Protein backbone atom coordinates (compact mmCIF):
# COMPACT_ATOMS: atom_id res chain seq x y z
CA UNK A 1 -9.19 -41.31 88.52
CA UNK A 2 -6.80 -40.92 85.59
CA UNK A 3 -4.41 -43.79 84.93
CA UNK A 4 -0.73 -42.85 85.15
CA UNK A 5 1.18 -43.13 81.88
CA UNK A 6 4.05 -45.58 82.30
CA UNK A 7 5.47 -45.67 78.78
CA UNK A 8 5.70 -43.86 75.46
CA UNK A 9 5.29 -46.10 72.42
CA UNK A 10 5.91 -44.92 68.87
CA UNK A 11 6.11 -46.56 65.46
CA UNK A 12 8.82 -44.77 63.49
CA UNK A 13 7.92 -42.76 60.40
CA UNK A 14 10.23 -42.18 57.43
CA UNK A 15 10.80 -38.59 58.63
CA UNK A 16 11.93 -39.82 62.05
CA UNK A 17 14.24 -42.42 60.53
CA UNK A 18 15.85 -39.95 58.10
CA UNK A 19 16.26 -37.25 60.76
CA UNK A 20 17.34 -39.73 63.45
CA UNK A 21 14.89 -38.17 65.88
CA UNK A 22 11.84 -39.46 67.72
CA UNK A 23 8.70 -37.34 67.53
CA UNK A 24 7.11 -36.68 70.90
CA UNK A 25 3.39 -36.15 70.52
CA UNK A 26 1.99 -33.15 72.37
CA UNK A 27 -0.23 -35.29 74.61
CA UNK A 28 2.85 -37.29 75.71
CA UNK A 29 4.91 -34.25 76.77
CA UNK A 30 3.91 -34.64 80.43
CA UNK A 31 5.55 -38.10 80.45
CA UNK A 32 8.99 -36.55 79.79
CA UNK A 33 10.90 -33.77 81.57
CA UNK A 34 10.16 -30.30 80.19
CA UNK A 35 11.72 -29.50 76.80
CA UNK A 36 15.47 -28.85 76.93
CA UNK A 37 15.81 -30.40 80.44
CA UNK A 38 18.30 -33.29 80.24
CA UNK A 39 17.45 -36.80 81.38
CA UNK A 40 19.12 -40.19 81.03
CA UNK A 41 17.93 -42.77 78.52
CA UNK A 42 19.26 -46.29 78.90
CA UNK A 43 19.38 -48.55 75.85
CA UNK A 44 20.82 -51.97 76.58
CA UNK A 45 24.05 -51.44 78.49
CA UNK A 46 24.54 -47.82 77.36
CA UNK A 47 23.10 -44.63 78.83
CA UNK A 48 22.66 -41.37 76.94
CA UNK A 49 21.93 -37.85 78.19
CA UNK A 50 19.15 -36.37 76.07
CA UNK A 51 16.49 -33.67 76.18
CA UNK A 52 13.24 -33.19 74.31
CA UNK A 53 13.65 -30.33 71.85
CA UNK A 54 10.99 -27.99 70.52
CA UNK A 55 11.01 -26.39 67.10
CA UNK A 56 8.68 -23.73 65.77
CA UNK A 57 6.59 -24.79 62.79
CA UNK A 58 4.15 -23.28 60.34
CA UNK A 59 3.12 -26.48 58.57
CA UNK A 60 -0.52 -25.40 59.07
CA UNK A 61 0.21 -21.98 57.62
CA UNK A 62 1.38 -18.71 59.15
CA UNK A 63 -1.99 -18.15 60.85
CA UNK A 64 -1.50 -21.29 62.97
CA UNK A 65 2.06 -21.26 64.31
CA UNK A 66 2.85 -24.06 66.75
CA UNK A 67 5.68 -26.30 67.90
CA UNK A 68 6.78 -29.85 67.17
CA UNK A 69 8.65 -31.82 69.83
CA UNK A 70 11.49 -34.24 69.14
CA UNK A 71 13.96 -36.41 70.98
CA UNK A 72 17.26 -36.31 69.03
CA UNK A 73 18.54 -39.87 68.63
CA UNK A 74 21.70 -39.46 66.52
CA UNK A 75 24.00 -41.62 68.70
CA UNK A 76 21.43 -43.62 70.62
CA UNK A 77 19.56 -44.86 67.51
CA UNK A 78 22.58 -47.05 66.68
CA UNK A 79 21.66 -49.21 69.68
CA UNK A 80 18.19 -50.25 68.42
CA UNK A 81 16.50 -51.31 65.21
CA UNK A 82 15.96 -47.85 63.71
CA UNK A 83 13.89 -48.15 60.56
CA UNK A 84 10.53 -47.11 59.19
CA UNK A 85 7.80 -49.15 60.87
CA UNK A 86 9.95 -50.18 63.84
CA UNK A 87 8.35 -49.60 67.22
CA UNK A 88 10.25 -48.14 70.14
CA UNK A 89 9.03 -48.05 73.72
CA UNK A 90 10.34 -45.68 76.37
CA UNK A 91 9.54 -46.54 79.96
CA UNK A 92 10.10 -44.35 82.98
CA UNK A 93 12.39 -46.01 85.53
CA UNK A 94 12.25 -43.10 88.00
CA UNK A 95 12.33 -39.32 87.83
CA UNK A 96 14.92 -38.31 85.24
CA UNK A 97 15.72 -41.91 84.22
CA UNK A 98 14.15 -43.71 81.27
CA UNK A 99 14.76 -46.96 79.34
CA UNK A 100 14.18 -47.54 75.63
CA UNK A 101 13.35 -50.98 74.25
CA UNK A 102 12.12 -52.30 70.93
CA UNK A 103 8.37 -52.88 70.86
């Protein structure tokens, strides 16, 4: 039996910090609502409405088009330590509700 995923943990890269967005790895997509479907993300006492976004990419060349998935964090990143090497953890509270904490 496969163990249910209860959190998404990520150590921030320079690209994520500069773009104020959290990369969602392809294997973690099933943990979140489908791309572009809004959900609530609580950070401390504040709650933000966000959605995973997809962007087309050809970083492997035009013969291998694919998508990258991001969670835009422009406003919500101000509520946590948002710097290269920082770890963030997103836990699922219930369907459509998540909580972000520092790792």
